[in-house]
Amino acid sequence: MSESVSESGREISIEQAQEGMVLAQALNDAGGAVLLAQGAVLTAASLTALRRRNVERCHVVADEEPDPAAQAQAEQERLRRLERLAVLFRATPPGSAGSQLLALLQRYRQGSAA
């Protein structure tokens, strides 16, 4: 559980990262493509995706606690996306491939491992 602090924020492991934390530096993959931009607010879904990509560390803004306003905004956005999925899949019959896709998308949006 090591952690280092610099002018670009503090470096932590992805396991220590929490919803609502703000990235102090962009996260890039091995090829240099940007996964998340500097200033992005971490969400449950983004943390799940980063873990799936085997990202081990990130730099977050050096606040001791996650920003409650950012956490509330992330939660609001998560709920908005779940509501949008319900609208998009409203005519999907139960037990169909579409309902299976909806379940997977809902788990992804909630940040659960599928």
PDB file of N, CA and C in Angstrom:
ATOM      1  N   MET A   1       0.816  -1.189   0.000  1.00  0.00           N
ATOM      2  CA  MET A   1       0.000   0.000   0.000  1.00  0.00           C
ATOM      3  C   MET A   1       0.860   1.253   0.000  1.00  0.00           C
ATOM      4  N   SER A   2       1.845   1.256  -0.863  1.00  0.00           N
ATOM      5  CA  SER A   2       2.707   2.426  -0.903  1.00  0.00           C
ATOM      6  C   SER A   2       2.047   3.534  -1.703  1.00  0.00           C
ATOM      7  N   GLU A   3       2.434   4.743  -1.375  1.00  0.00           N
ATOM      8  CA  GLU A   3       1.830   5.919  -1.979  1.00  0.00           C
ATOM      9  C   GLU A   3       2.910   6.985  -2.032  1.00  0.00           C
ATOM     10  N   SER A   4       3.018   7.678  -3.178  1.00  0.00           N
ATOM     11  CA  SER A   4       3.978   8.762  -3.269  1.00  0.00           C
ATOM     12  C   SER A   4       3.252  10.037  -3.655  1.00  0.00           C
ATOM     13  N   VAL A   5       3.754  11.171  -3.145  1.00  0.00           N
ATOM     14  CA  VAL A   5       3.131  12.463  -3.396  1.00  0.00           C
ATOM     15  C   VAL A   5       4.101  13.317  -4.187  1.00  0.00           C
ATOM     16  N   SER A   6       3.583  13.999  -5.211  1.00  0.00           N
ATOM     17  CA  SER A   6       4.390  14.924  -6.003  1.00  0.00           C
ATOM     18  C   SER A   6       3.515  16.100  -6.384  1.00  0.00           C
ATOM     19  N   GLU A   7       4.106  17.047  -7.158  1.00  0.00           N
ATOM     20  CA  GLU A   7       3.310  18.192  -7.585  1.00  0.00           C
ATOM     21  C   GLU A   7       2.193  17.778  -8.545  1.00  0.00           C
ATOM     22  N   SER A   8       2.282  16.572  -9.097  1.00  0.00           N
ATOM     23  CA  SER A   8       1.232  16.091 -10.004  1.00  0.00           C
ATOM     24  C   SER A   8       0.207  15.243  -9.256  1.00  0.00           C
ATOM     25  N   GLY A   9       0.121  15.405  -7.954  1.00  0.00           N
ATOM     26  CA  GLY A   9      -0.826  14.635  -7.166  1.00  0.00           C
ATOM     27  C   GLY A   9      -0.115  13.511  -6.448  1.00  0.00           C
ATOM     28  N   ARG A  10      -0.902  12.556  -5.988  1.00  0.00           N
ATOM     29  CA  ARG A  10      -0.286  11.414  -5.319  1.00  0.00           C
ATOM     30  C   ARG A  10      -0.531  10.168  -6.149  1.00  0.00           C
ATOM     31  N   GLU A  11       0.469   9.332  -6.195  1.00  0.00           N
ATOM     32  CA  GLU A  11       0.365   8.088  -6.939  1.00  0.00           C
ATOM     33  C   GLU A  11      -0.148   7.005  -5.998  1.00  0.00           C
ATOM     34  N   ILE A  12      -1.205   6.324  -6.419  1.00  0.00           N
ATOM     35  CA  ILE A  12      -1.793   5.253  -5.618  1.00  0.00           C
ATOM     36  C   ILE A  12      -2.053   4.047  -6.514  1.00  0.00           C
ATOM     37  N   SER A  13      -2.271   2.920  -5.891  1.00  0.00           N
ATOM     38  CA  SER A  13      -2.652   1.739  -6.656  1.00  0.00           C
ATOM     39  C   SER A  13      -4.119   1.871  -7.050  1.00  0.00           C
ATOM     40  N   ILE A  14      -4.494   1.189  -8.108  1.00  0.00           N
ATOM     41  CA  ILE A  14      -5.892   1.196  -8.545  1.00  0.00           C
ATOM     42  C   ILE A  14      -6.782   0.628  -7.440  1.00  0.00           C
ATOM     43  N   GLU A  15      -6.259  -0.299  -6.651  1.00  0.00           N
ATOM     44  CA  GLU A  15      -7.048  -0.875  -5.566  1.00  0.00           C
ATOM     45  C   GLU A  15      -7.376   0.168  -4.493  1.00  0.00           C
ATOM     46  N   GLN A  16      -6.524   1.177  -4.332  1.00  0.00           N
ATOM     47  CA  GLN A  16      -6.774   2.242  -3.363  1.00  0.00           C
ATOM     48  C   GLN A  16      -7.698   3.325  -3.921  1.00  0.00           C
ATOM     49  N   ALA A  17      -7.813   3.388  -5.241  1.00  0.00           N
ATOM     50  CA  ALA A  17      -8.625   4.425  -5.880  1.00  0.00           C
ATOM     51  C   ALA A  17     -10.095   4.231  -5.526  1.00  0.00           C
ATOM     52  N   GLN A  18     -10.789   5.347  -5.372  1.00  0.00           N
ATOM     53  CA  GLN A  18     -12.206   5.321  -5.002  1.00  0.00           C
ATOM     54  C   GLN A  18     -13.001   6.203  -5.942  1.00  0.00           C
ATOM     55  N   GLU A  19     -14.291   5.899  -6.034  1.00  0.00           N
ATOM     56  CA  GLU A  19     -15.195   6.738  -6.813  1.00  0.00           C
ATOM     57  C   GLU A  19     -15.094   8.173  -6.313  1.00  0.00           C
ATOM     58  N   GLY A  20     -15.112   9.106  -7.240  1.00  0.00           N
ATOM     59  CA  GLY A  20     -15.086  10.515  -6.875  1.00  0.00           C
ATOM     60  C   GLY A  20     -13.699  11.120  -6.875  1.00  0.00           C
ATOM     61  N   MET A  21     -12.646  10.281  -6.864  1.00  0.00           N
ATOM     62  CA  MET A  21     -11.292  10.829  -6.934  1.00  0.00           C
ATOM     63  C   MET A  21     -11.064  11.405  -8.332  1.00  0.00           C
ATOM     64  N   VAL A  22     -10.210  12.424  -8.393  1.00  0.00           N
ATOM     65  CA  VAL A  22      -9.935  13.117  -9.651  1.00  0.00           C
ATOM     66  C   VAL A  22      -8.508  12.797 -10.086  1.00  0.00           C
ATOM     67  N   LEU A  23      -8.346  12.458 -11.378  1.00  0.00           N
ATOM     68  CA  LEU A  23      -7.019  12.135 -11.894  1.00  0.00           C
ATOM     69  C   LEU A  23      -6.170  13.395 -12.036  1.00  0.00           C
ATOM     70  N   ALA A  24      -4.959  13.344 -11.500  1.00  0.00           N
ATOM     71  CA  ALA A  24      -4.019  14.449 -11.614  1.00  0.00           C
ATOM     72  C   ALA A  24      -3.225  14.356 -12.914  1.00  0.00           C
ATOM     73  N   GLN A  25      -3.176  13.179 -13.506  1.00  0.00           N
ATOM     74  CA  GLN A  25      -2.502  12.945 -14.787  1.00  0.00           C
ATOM     75  C   GLN A  25      -3.376  12.027 -15.618  1.00  0.00           C
ATOM     76  N   ALA A  26      -3.276  12.159 -16.940  1.00  0.00           N
ATOM     77  CA  ALA A  26      -4.009  11.259 -17.837  1.00  0.00           C
ATOM     78  C   ALA A  26      -3.490   9.840 -17.652  1.00  0.00           C
ATOM     79  N   LEU A  27      -4.371   8.871 -17.821  1.00  0.00           N
ATOM     80  CA  LEU A  27      -3.979   7.461 -17.787  1.00  0.00           C
ATOM     81  C   LEU A  27      -3.870   6.971 -19.217  1.00  0.00           C
ATOM     82  N   ASN A  28      -2.717   6.437 -19.575  1.00  0.00           N
ATOM     83  CA  ASN A  28      -2.480   5.926 -20.921  1.00  0.00           C
ATOM     84  C   ASN A  28      -2.273   4.430 -20.893  1.00  0.00           C
ATOM     85  N   ASP A  29      -2.630   3.761 -22.013  1.00  0.00           N
ATOM     86  CA  ASP A  29      -2.340   2.332 -22.110  1.00  0.00           C
ATOM     87  C   ASP A  29      -0.910   2.154 -22.591  1.00  0.00           C
ATOM     88  N   ALA A  30      -0.473   0.911 -22.764  1.00  0.00           N
ATOM     89  CA  ALA A  30       0.911   0.622 -23.149  1.00  0.00           C
ATOM     90  C   ALA A  30       1.259   1.238 -24.503  1.00  0.00           C
ATOM     91  N   GLY A  31       0.272   1.404 -25.371  1.00  0.00           N
ATOM     92  CA  GLY A  31       0.503   1.990 -26.689  1.00  0.00           C
ATOM     93  C   GLY A  31       0.455   3.506 -26.695  1.00  0.00           C
ATOM     94  N   GLY A  32       0.175   4.124 -25.554  1.00  0.00           N
ATOM     95  CA  GLY A  32       0.137   5.570 -25.458  1.00  0.00           C
ATOM     96  C   GLY A  32      -1.248   6.178 -25.634  1.00  0.00           C
ATOM     97  N   ALA A  33      -2.253   5.353 -25.924  1.00  0.00           N
ATOM     98  CA  ALA A  33      -3.617   5.874 -26.076  1.00  0.00           C
ATOM     99  C   ALA A  33      -4.162   6.291 -24.714  1.00  0.00           C
ATOM    100  N   VAL A  34      -4.886   7.391 -24.691  1.00  0.00           N
ATOM    101  CA  VAL A  34      -5.447   7.909 -23.440  1.00  0.00           C
ATOM    102  C   VAL A  34      -6.668   7.076 -23.046  1.00  0.00           C
ATOM    103  N   LEU A  35      -6.602   6.493 -21.855  1.00  0.00           N
ATOM    104  CA  LEU A  35      -7.737   5.748 -21.308  1.00  0.00           C
ATOM    105  C   LEU A  35      -8.682   6.694 -20.582  1.00  0.00           C
ATOM    106  N   LEU A  36      -8.122   7.569 -19.752  1.00  0.00           N
ATOM    107  CA  LEU A  36      -8.884   8.599 -19.046  1.00  0.00           C
ATOM    108  C   LEU A  36      -8.049   9.876 -19.030  1.00  0.00           C
ATOM    109  N   ALA A  37      -8.689  11.000 -19.281  1.00  0.00           N
ATOM    110  CA  ALA A  37      -7.995  12.280 -19.353  1.00  0.00           C
ATOM    111  C   ALA A  37      -7.694  12.832 -17.967  1.00  0.00           C
ATOM    112  N   GLN A  38      -6.702  13.710 -17.915  1.00  0.00           N
ATOM    113  CA  GLN A  38      -6.411  14.420 -16.676  1.00  0.00           C
ATOM    114  C   GLN A  38      -7.660  15.180 -16.259  1.00  0.00           C
ATOM    115  N   GLY A  39      -7.985  15.139 -14.976  1.00  0.00           N
ATOM    116  CA  GLY A  39      -9.166  15.814 -14.467  1.00  0.00           C
ATOM    117  C   GLY A  39     -10.419  14.958 -14.462  1.00  0.00           C
ATOM    118  N   ALA A  40     -10.339  13.750 -15.034  1.00  0.00           N
ATOM    119  CA  ALA A  40     -11.499  12.862 -15.045  1.00  0.00           C
ATOM    120  C   ALA A  40     -11.828  12.418 -13.621  1.00  0.00           C
ATOM    121  N   VAL A  41     -13.106  12.309 -13.335  1.00  0.00           N
ATOM    122  CA  VAL A  41     -13.571  11.823 -12.035  1.00  0.00           C
ATOM    123  C   VAL A  41     -13.740  10.315 -12.143  1.00  0.00           C
ATOM    124  N   LEU A  42     -13.122   9.582 -11.239  1.00  0.00           N
ATOM    125  CA  LEU A  42     -13.227   8.126 -11.273  1.00  0.00           C
ATOM    126  C   LEU A  42     -14.628   7.690 -10.853  1.00  0.00           C
ATOM    127  N   THR A  43     -15.174   6.761 -11.612  1.00  0.00           N
ATOM    128  CA  THR A  43     -16.482   6.179 -11.315  1.00  0.00           C
ATOM    129  C   THR A  43     -16.294   4.686 -11.087  1.00  0.00           C
ATOM    130  N   ALA A  44     -17.318   4.032 -10.595  1.00  0.00           N
ATOM    131  CA  ALA A  44     -17.248   2.584 -10.399  1.00  0.00           C
ATOM    132  C   ALA A  44     -16.980   1.895 -11.727  1.00  0.00           C
ATOM    133  N   ALA A  45     -17.645   2.352 -12.778  1.00  0.00           N
ATOM    134  CA  ALA A  45     -17.462   1.743 -14.093  1.00  0.00           C
ATOM    135  C   ALA A  45     -16.040   1.960 -14.618  1.00  0.00           C
ATOM    136  N   SER A  46     -15.495   3.170 -14.448  1.00  0.00           N
ATOM    137  CA  SER A  46     -14.144   3.421 -14.947  1.00  0.00           C
ATOM    138  C   SER A  46     -13.109   2.623 -14.151  1.00  0.00           C
ATOM    139  N   LEU A  47     -13.318   2.487 -12.837  1.00  0.00           N
ATOM    140  CA  LEU A  47     -12.395   1.683 -12.027  1.00  0.00           C
ATOM    141  C   LEU A  47     -12.443   0.216 -12.439  1.00  0.00           C
ATOM    142  N   THR A  48     -13.633  -0.293 -12.725  1.00  0.00           N
ATOM    143  CA  THR A  48     -13.767  -1.677 -13.184  1.00  0.00           C
ATOM    144  C   THR A  48     -13.044  -1.863 -14.509  1.00  0.00           C
ATOM    145  N   ALA A  49     -13.231  -0.915 -15.430  1.00  0.00           N
ATOM    146  CA  ALA A  49     -12.583  -0.998 -16.739  1.00  0.00           C
ATOM    147  C   ALA A  49     -11.059  -0.929 -16.603  1.00  0.00           C
ATOM    148  N   LEU A  50     -10.555  -0.072 -15.730  1.00  0.00           N
ATOM    149  CA  LEU A  50      -9.105   0.036 -15.535  1.00  0.00           C
ATOM    150  C   LEU A  50      -8.540  -1.261 -14.956  1.00  0.00           C
ATOM    151  N   ARG A  51      -9.266  -1.869 -14.030  1.00  0.00           N
ATOM    152  CA  ARG A  51      -8.803  -3.143 -13.459  1.00  0.00           C
ATOM    153  C   ARG A  51      -8.786  -4.231 -14.526  1.00  0.00           C
ATOM    154  N   ARG A  52      -9.792  -4.234 -15.397  1.00  0.00           N
ATOM    155  CA  ARG A  52      -9.828  -5.216 -16.489  1.00  0.00           C
ATOM    156  C   ARG A  52      -8.647  -5.042 -17.435  1.00  0.00           C
ATOM    157  N   ARG A  53      -8.193  -3.815 -17.605  1.00  0.00           N
ATOM    158  CA  ARG A  53      -7.047  -3.529 -18.482  1.00  0.00           C
ATOM    159  C   ARG A  53      -5.715  -3.691 -17.752  1.00  0.00           C
ATOM    160  N   ASN A  54      -5.787  -4.167 -16.523  1.00  0.00           N
ATOM    161  CA  ASN A  54      -4.594  -4.411 -15.701  1.00  0.00           C
ATOM    162  C   ASN A  54      -3.790  -3.145 -15.429  1.00  0.00           C
ATOM    163  N   VAL A  55      -4.479  -2.003 -15.326  1.00  0.00           N
ATOM    164  CA  VAL A  55      -3.823  -0.769 -14.903  1.00  0.00           C
ATOM    165  C   VAL A  55      -3.555  -0.918 -13.412  1.00  0.00           C
ATOM    166  N   GLU A  56      -2.325  -0.678 -13.007  1.00  0.00           N
ATOM    167  CA  GLU A  56      -1.951  -0.918 -11.619  1.00  0.00           C
ATOM    168  C   GLU A  56      -1.927   0.338 -10.758  1.00  0.00           C
ATOM    169  N   ARG A  57      -1.564   1.497 -11.352  1.00  0.00           N
ATOM    170  CA  ARG A  57      -1.389   2.710 -10.552  1.00  0.00           C
ATOM    171  C   ARG A  57      -1.961   3.906 -11.296  1.00  0.00           C
ATOM    172  N   CYS A  58      -2.267   4.961 -10.534  1.00  0.00           N
ATOM    173  CA  CYS A  58      -2.723   6.208 -11.132  1.00  0.00           C
ATOM    174  C   CYS A  58      -2.311   7.367 -10.225  1.00  0.00           C
ATOM    175  N   HIS A  59      -2.332   8.559 -10.776  1.00  0.00           N
ATOM    176  CA  HIS A  59      -2.054   9.778 -10.009  1.00  0.00           C
ATOM    177  C   HIS A  59      -3.383  10.495  -9.787  1.00  0.00           C
ATOM    178  N   VAL A  60      -3.702  10.746  -8.535  1.00  0.00           N
ATOM    179  CA  VAL A  60      -4.934  11.458  -8.210  1.00  0.00           C
ATOM    180  C   VAL A  60      -4.592  12.771  -7.536  1.00  0.00           C
ATOM    181  N   VAL A  61      -5.528  13.710  -7.609  1.00  0.00           N
ATOM    182  CA  VAL A  61      -5.358  14.997  -6.941  1.00  0.00           C
ATOM    183  C   VAL A  61      -5.130  14.708  -5.467  1.00  0.00           C
ATOM    184  N   ALA A  62      -4.215  15.425  -4.847  1.00  0.00           N
ATOM    185  CA  ALA A  62      -3.705  15.089  -3.525  1.00  0.00           C
ATOM    186  C   ALA A  62      -4.646  15.399  -2.363  1.00  0.00           C
ATOM    187  N   ASP A  63      -5.948  15.432  -2.588  1.00  0.00           N
ATOM    188  CA  ASP A  63      -6.882  15.571  -1.469  1.00  0.00           C
ATOM    189  C   ASP A  63      -6.806  14.311  -0.620  1.00  0.00           C
ATOM    190  N   GLU A  64      -6.974  14.479   0.669  1.00  0.00           N
ATOM    191  CA  GLU A  64      -6.964  13.318   1.557  1.00  0.00           C
ATOM    192  C   GLU A  64      -8.220  12.478   1.378  1.00  0.00           C
ATOM    193  N   GLU A  65      -9.339  13.139   1.187  1.00  0.00           N
ATOM    194  CA  GLU A  65     -10.621  12.446   1.033  1.00  0.00           C
ATOM    195  C   GLU A  65     -11.167  12.717  -0.359  1.00  0.00           C
ATOM    196  N   PRO A  66     -11.905  11.760  -0.926  1.00  0.00           N
ATOM    197  CA  PRO A  66     -12.557  12.021  -2.206  1.00  0.00           C
ATOM    198  C   PRO A  66     -13.535  13.189  -2.070  1.00  0.00           C
ATOM    199  N   ASP A  67     -13.673  13.966  -3.114  1.00  0.00           N
ATOM    200  CA  ASP A  67     -14.555  15.121  -3.121  1.00  0.00           C
ATOM    201  C   ASP A  67     -16.012  14.662  -3.074  1.00  0.00           C
ATOM    202  N   PRO A  68     -16.759  15.010  -2.011  1.00  0.00           N
ATOM    203  CA  PRO A  68     -18.158  14.577  -1.910  1.00  0.00           C
ATOM    204  C   PRO A  68     -19.015  15.081  -3.070  1.00  0.00           C
ATOM    205  N   ALA A  69     -18.747  16.298  -3.537  1.00  0.00           N
ATOM    206  CA  ALA A  69     -19.516  16.838  -4.663  1.00  0.00           C
ATOM    207  C   ALA A  69     -19.258  16.018  -5.918  1.00  0.00           C
ATOM    208  N   ALA A  70     -18.009  15.640  -6.140  1.00  0.00           N
ATOM    209  CA  ALA A  70     -17.666  14.824  -7.307  1.00  0.00           C
ATOM    210  C   ALA A  70     -18.281  13.439  -7.183  1.00  0.00           C
ATOM    211  N   GLN A  71     -18.291  12.890  -5.970  1.00  0.00           N
ATOM    212  CA  GLN A  71     -18.919  11.590  -5.754  1.00  0.00           C
ATOM    213  C   GLN A  71     -20.410  11.662  -6.037  1.00  0.00           C
ATOM    214  N   ALA A  72     -21.060  12.711  -5.576  1.00  0.00           N
ATOM    215  CA  ALA A  72     -22.496  12.880  -5.806  1.00  0.00           C
ATOM    216  C   ALA A  72     -22.782  13.036  -7.295  1.00  0.00           C
ATOM    217  N   GLN A  73     -21.937  13.791  -7.985  1.00  0.00           N
ATOM    218  CA  GLN A  73     -22.101  13.979  -9.427  1.00  0.00           C
ATOM    219  C   GLN A  73     -21.904  12.653 -10.160  1.00  0.00           C
ATOM    220  N   ALA A  74     -20.909  11.872  -9.762  1.00  0.00           N
ATOM    221  CA  ALA A  74     -20.663  10.572 -10.384  1.00  0.00           C
ATOM    222  C   ALA A  74     -21.844   9.630 -10.157  1.00  0.00           C
ATOM    223  N   GLU A  75     -22.413   9.666  -8.961  1.00  0.00           N
ATOM    224  CA  GLU A  75     -23.573   8.828  -8.656  1.00  0.00           C
ATOM    225  C   GLU A  75     -24.779   9.258  -9.479  1.00  0.00           C
ATOM    226  N   GLN A  76     -24.982  10.564  -9.620  1.00  0.00           N
ATOM    227  CA  GLN A  76     -26.082  11.084 -10.436  1.00  0.00           C
ATOM    228  C   GLN A  76     -25.923  10.638 -11.889  1.00  0.00           C
ATOM    229  N   GLU A  77     -24.723  10.725 -12.402  1.00  0.00           N
ATOM    230  CA  GLU A  77     -24.455  10.316 -13.783  1.00  0.00           C
ATOM    231  C   GLU A  77     -24.685   8.817 -13.951  1.00  0.00           C
ATOM    232  N   ARG A  78     -24.269   8.029 -12.980  1.00  0.00           N
ATOM    233  CA  ARG A  78     -24.475   6.578 -13.034  1.00  0.00           C
ATOM    234  C   ARG A  78     -25.964   6.257 -13.077  1.00  0.00           C
ATOM    235  N   LEU A  79     -26.748   6.916 -12.233  1.00  0.00           N
ATOM    236  CA  LEU A  79     -28.193   6.697 -12.215  1.00  0.00           C
ATOM    237  C   LEU A  79     -28.851   7.148 -13.517  1.00  0.00           C
ATOM    238  N   ARG A  80     -28.385   8.262 -14.072  1.00  0.00           N
ATOM    239  CA  ARG A  80     -28.913   8.746 -15.341  1.00  0.00           C
ATOM    240  C   ARG A  80     -28.672   7.725 -16.444  1.00  0.00           C
ATOM    241  N   ARG A  81     -27.486   7.147 -16.468  1.00  0.00           N
ATOM    242  CA  ARG A  81     -27.159   6.146 -17.495  1.00  0.00           C
ATOM    243  C   ARG A  81     -27.980   4.870 -17.324  1.00  0.00           C
ATOM    244  N   LEU A  82     -28.215   4.466 -16.079  1.00  0.00           N
ATOM    245  CA  LEU A  82     -29.054   3.289 -15.847  1.00  0.00           C
ATOM    246  C   LEU A  82     -30.492   3.553 -16.295  1.00  0.00           C
ATOM    247  N   GLU A  83     -30.995   4.753 -16.028  1.00  0.00           N
ATOM    248  CA  GLU A  83     -32.340   5.116 -16.477  1.00  0.00           C
ATOM    249  C   GLU A  83     -32.419   5.117 -17.995  1.00  0.00           C
ATOM    250  N   ARG A  84     -31.372   5.600 -18.645  1.00  0.00           N
ATOM    251  CA  ARG A  84     -31.333   5.631 -20.114  1.00  0.00           C
ATOM    252  C   ARG A  84     -31.357   4.215 -20.680  1.00  0.00           C
ATOM    253  N   LEU A  85     -30.635   3.304 -20.049  1.00  0.00           N
ATOM    254  CA  LEU A  85     -30.665   1.909 -20.489  1.00  0.00           C
ATOM    255  C   LEU A  85     -32.076   1.343 -20.392  1.00  0.00           C
ATOM    256  N   ALA A  86     -32.774   1.657 -19.302  1.00  0.00           N
ATOM    257  CA  ALA A  86     -34.140   1.161 -19.126  1.00  0.00           C
ATOM    258  C   ALA A  86     -35.048   1.662 -20.247  1.00  0.00           C
ATOM    259  N   VAL A  87     -34.859   2.907 -20.667  1.00  0.00           N
ATOM    260  CA  VAL A  87     -35.653   3.459 -21.767  1.00  0.00           C
ATOM    261  C   VAL A  87     -35.295   2.768 -23.074  1.00  0.00           C
ATOM    262  N   LEU A  88     -34.016   2.608 -23.341  1.00  0.00           N
ATOM    263  CA  LEU A  88     -33.582   1.999 -24.597  1.00  0.00           C
ATOM    264  C   LEU A  88     -34.042   0.551 -24.738  1.00  0.00           C
ATOM    265  N   PHE A  89     -34.111  -0.162 -23.628  1.00  0.00           N
ATOM    266  CA  PHE A  89     -34.458  -1.588 -23.664  1.00  0.00           C
ATOM    267  C   PHE A  89     -35.892  -1.849 -23.178  1.00  0.00           C
ATOM    268  N   ARG A  90     -36.752  -0.829 -23.166  1.00  0.00           N
ATOM    269  CA  ARG A  90     -38.096  -0.968 -22.593  1.00  0.00           C
ATOM    270  C   ARG A  90     -38.954  -2.013 -23.302  1.00  0.00           C
ATOM    271  N   ALA A  91     -38.733  -2.256 -24.592  1.00  0.00           N
ATOM    272  CA  ALA A  91     -39.557  -3.212 -25.336  1.00  0.00           C
ATOM    273  C   ALA A  91     -38.894  -4.582 -25.454  1.00  0.00           C
ATOM    274  N   THR A  92     -37.826  -4.799 -24.741  1.00  0.00           N
ATOM    275  CA  THR A  92     -37.092  -6.057 -24.830  1.00  0.00           C
ATOM    276  C   THR A  92     -37.818  -7.145 -24.039  1.00  0.00           C
ATOM    277  N   PRO A  93     -38.147  -8.253 -24.700  1.00  0.00           N
ATOM    278  CA  PRO A  93     -38.829  -9.333 -23.980  1.00  0.00           C
ATOM    279  C   PRO A  93     -37.904 -10.025 -22.974  1.00  0.00           C
ATOM    280  N   PRO A  94     -38.446 -10.437 -21.836  1.00  0.00           N
ATOM    281  CA  PRO A  94     -37.633 -11.151 -20.838  1.00  0.00           C
ATOM    282  C   PRO A  94     -37.078 -12.450 -21.429  1.00  0.00           C
ATOM    283  N   GLY A  95     -35.871 -12.797 -21.051  1.00  0.00           N
ATOM    284  CA  GLY A  95     -35.252 -14.042 -21.491  1.00  0.00           C
ATOM    285  C   GLY A  95     -34.619 -13.979 -22.870  1.00  0.00           C
ATOM    286  N   SER A  96     -34.715 -12.833 -23.533  1.00  0.00           N
ATOM    287  CA  SER A  96     -34.138 -12.703 -24.871  1.00  0.00           C
ATOM    288  C   SER A  96     -32.663 -12.302 -24.777  1.00  0.00           C
ATOM    289  N   ALA A  97     -31.995 -12.336 -25.919  1.00  0.00           N
ATOM    290  CA  ALA A  97     -30.600 -11.895 -25.972  1.00  0.00           C
ATOM    291  C   ALA A  97     -30.506 -10.420 -25.568  1.00  0.00           C
ATOM    292  N   GLY A  98     -31.517  -9.637 -25.930  1.00  0.00           N
ATOM    293  CA  GLY A  98     -31.535  -8.221 -25.566  1.00  0.00           C
ATOM    294  C   GLY A  98     -31.603  -8.016 -24.063  1.00  0.00           C
ATOM    295  N   SER A  99     -32.361  -8.866 -23.380  1.00  0.00           N
ATOM    296  CA  SER A  99     -32.445  -8.732 -21.918  1.00  0.00           C
ATOM    297  C   SER A  99     -31.132  -9.154 -21.262  1.00  0.00           C
ATOM    298  N   GLN A 100     -30.437 -10.112 -21.867  1.00  0.00           N
ATOM    299  CA  GLN A 100     -29.119 -10.504 -21.355  1.00  0.00           C
ATOM    300  C   GLN A 100     -28.120  -9.363 -21.538  1.00  0.00           C
ATOM    301  N   LEU A 101     -28.191  -8.709 -22.706  1.00  0.00           N
ATOM    302  CA  LEU A 101     -27.323  -7.558 -22.961  1.00  0.00           C
ATOM    303  C   LEU A 101     -27.622  -6.438 -21.967  1.00  0.00           C
ATOM    304  N   LEU A 102     -28.895  -6.185 -21.720  1.00  0.00           N
ATOM    305  CA  LEU A 102     -29.281  -5.161 -20.744  1.00  0.00           C
ATOM    306  C   LEU A 102     -28.690  -5.468 -19.371  1.00  0.00           C
ATOM    307  N   ALA A 103     -28.779  -6.724 -18.938  1.00  0.00           N
ATOM    308  CA  ALA A 103     -28.241  -7.105 -17.628  1.00  0.00           C
ATOM    309  C   ALA A 103     -26.736  -6.864 -17.568  1.00  0.00           C
ATOM    310  N   LEU A 104     -26.022  -7.209 -18.641  1.00  0.00           N
ATOM    311  CA  LEU A 104     -24.573  -6.978 -18.676  1.00  0.00           C
ATOM    312  C   LEU A 104     -24.250  -5.485 -18.630  1.00  0.00           C
ATOM    313  N   LEU A 105     -24.988  -4.691 -19.387  1.00  0.00           N
ATOM    314  CA  LEU A 105     -24.753  -3.246 -19.397  1.00  0.00           C
ATOM    315  C   LEU A 105     -25.064  -2.620 -18.039  1.00  0.00           C
ATOM    316  N   GLN A 106     -26.112  -3.094 -17.400  1.00  0.00           N
ATOM    317  CA  GLN A 106     -26.440  -2.567 -16.072  1.00  0.00           C
ATOM    318  C   GLN A 106     -25.347  -2.903 -15.069  1.00  0.00           C
ATOM    319  N   ARG A 107     -24.841  -4.126 -15.110  1.00  0.00           N
ATOM    320  CA  ARG A 107     -23.745  -4.498 -14.192  1.00  0.00           C
ATOM    321  C   ARG A 107     -22.513  -3.652 -14.467  1.00  0.00           C
ATOM    322  N   TYR A 108     -22.220  -3.417 -15.754  1.00  0.00           N
ATOM    323  CA  TYR A 108     -21.068  -2.590 -16.105  1.00  0.00           C
ATOM    324  C   TYR A 108     -21.250  -1.169 -15.574  1.00  0.00           C
ATOM    325  N   ARG A 109     -22.420  -0.591 -15.778  1.00  0.00           N
ATOM    326  CA  ARG A 109     -22.694   0.780 -15.318  1.00  0.00           C
ATOM    327  C   ARG A 109     -22.672   0.889 -13.807  1.00  0.00           C
ATOM    328  N   GLN A 110     -22.997  -0.189 -13.113  1.00  0.00           N
ATOM    329  CA  GLN A 110     -22.983  -0.180 -11.652  1.00  0.00           C
ATOM    330  C   GLN A 110     -21.583  -0.443 -11.111  1.00  0.00           C
ATOM    331  N   GLY A 111     -20.658  -0.812 -12.004  1.00  0.00           N
ATOM    332  CA  GLY A 111     -19.291  -1.045 -11.582  1.00  0.00           C
ATOM    333  C   GLY A 111     -19.055  -2.438 -11.042  1.00  0.00           C
ATOM    334  N   SER A 112     -19.980  -3.358 -11.270  1.00  0.00           N
ATOM    335  CA  SER A 112     -19.812  -4.730 -10.792  1.00  0.00           C
ATOM    336  C   SER A 112     -19.005  -5.525 -11.802  1.00  0.00           C
ATOM    337  N   ALA A 113     -18.224  -6.458 -11.292  1.00  0.00           N
ATOM    338  CA  ALA A 113     -17.492  -7.357 -12.186  1.00  0.00           C
ATOM    339  C   ALA A 113     -18.486  -8.312 -12.809  1.00  0.00           C
ATOM    340  N   ALA A 114     -18.407  -8.469 -14.113  1.00  0.00           N
ATOM    341  CA  ALA A 114     -19.353  -9.347 -14.823  1.00  0.00           C
ATOM    342  C   ALA A 114     -18.896 -10.785 -14.799  1.00  0.00           C
TER     343      ALA A 114
END
